[in-house]
Amino acid sequence: MSGKRTRSLGETISTASFFGMSVWLMLEALSLIGVVSVLQVFGLFVASLMCLLGGLRFIIVDIVAALKRRFR
């Protein structure tokens, strides 16, 4: 995979922010179970998953590129 490209400081900070927000949203959702509506908790879990995927965006791009090369 194309892991040889170096990431800029901004990309590294944004990746750390995505992971941090993902963890925070997950913990918030877990702490609100039974306190607020199920829809609100579900929304926090979805937001947490989206932030996790945002943090994994470079890995996802590498995987998709590898699959495209393999199945050409």
Foldseek 3Di string as FASTA:
>chain_A
DPPVDDDDPVLVVLLVVLQVLLVVLLVVLVVCVVPDDPVVSVVSNVSSVVSNCVSCVVVVVVVVVVVVVVVD
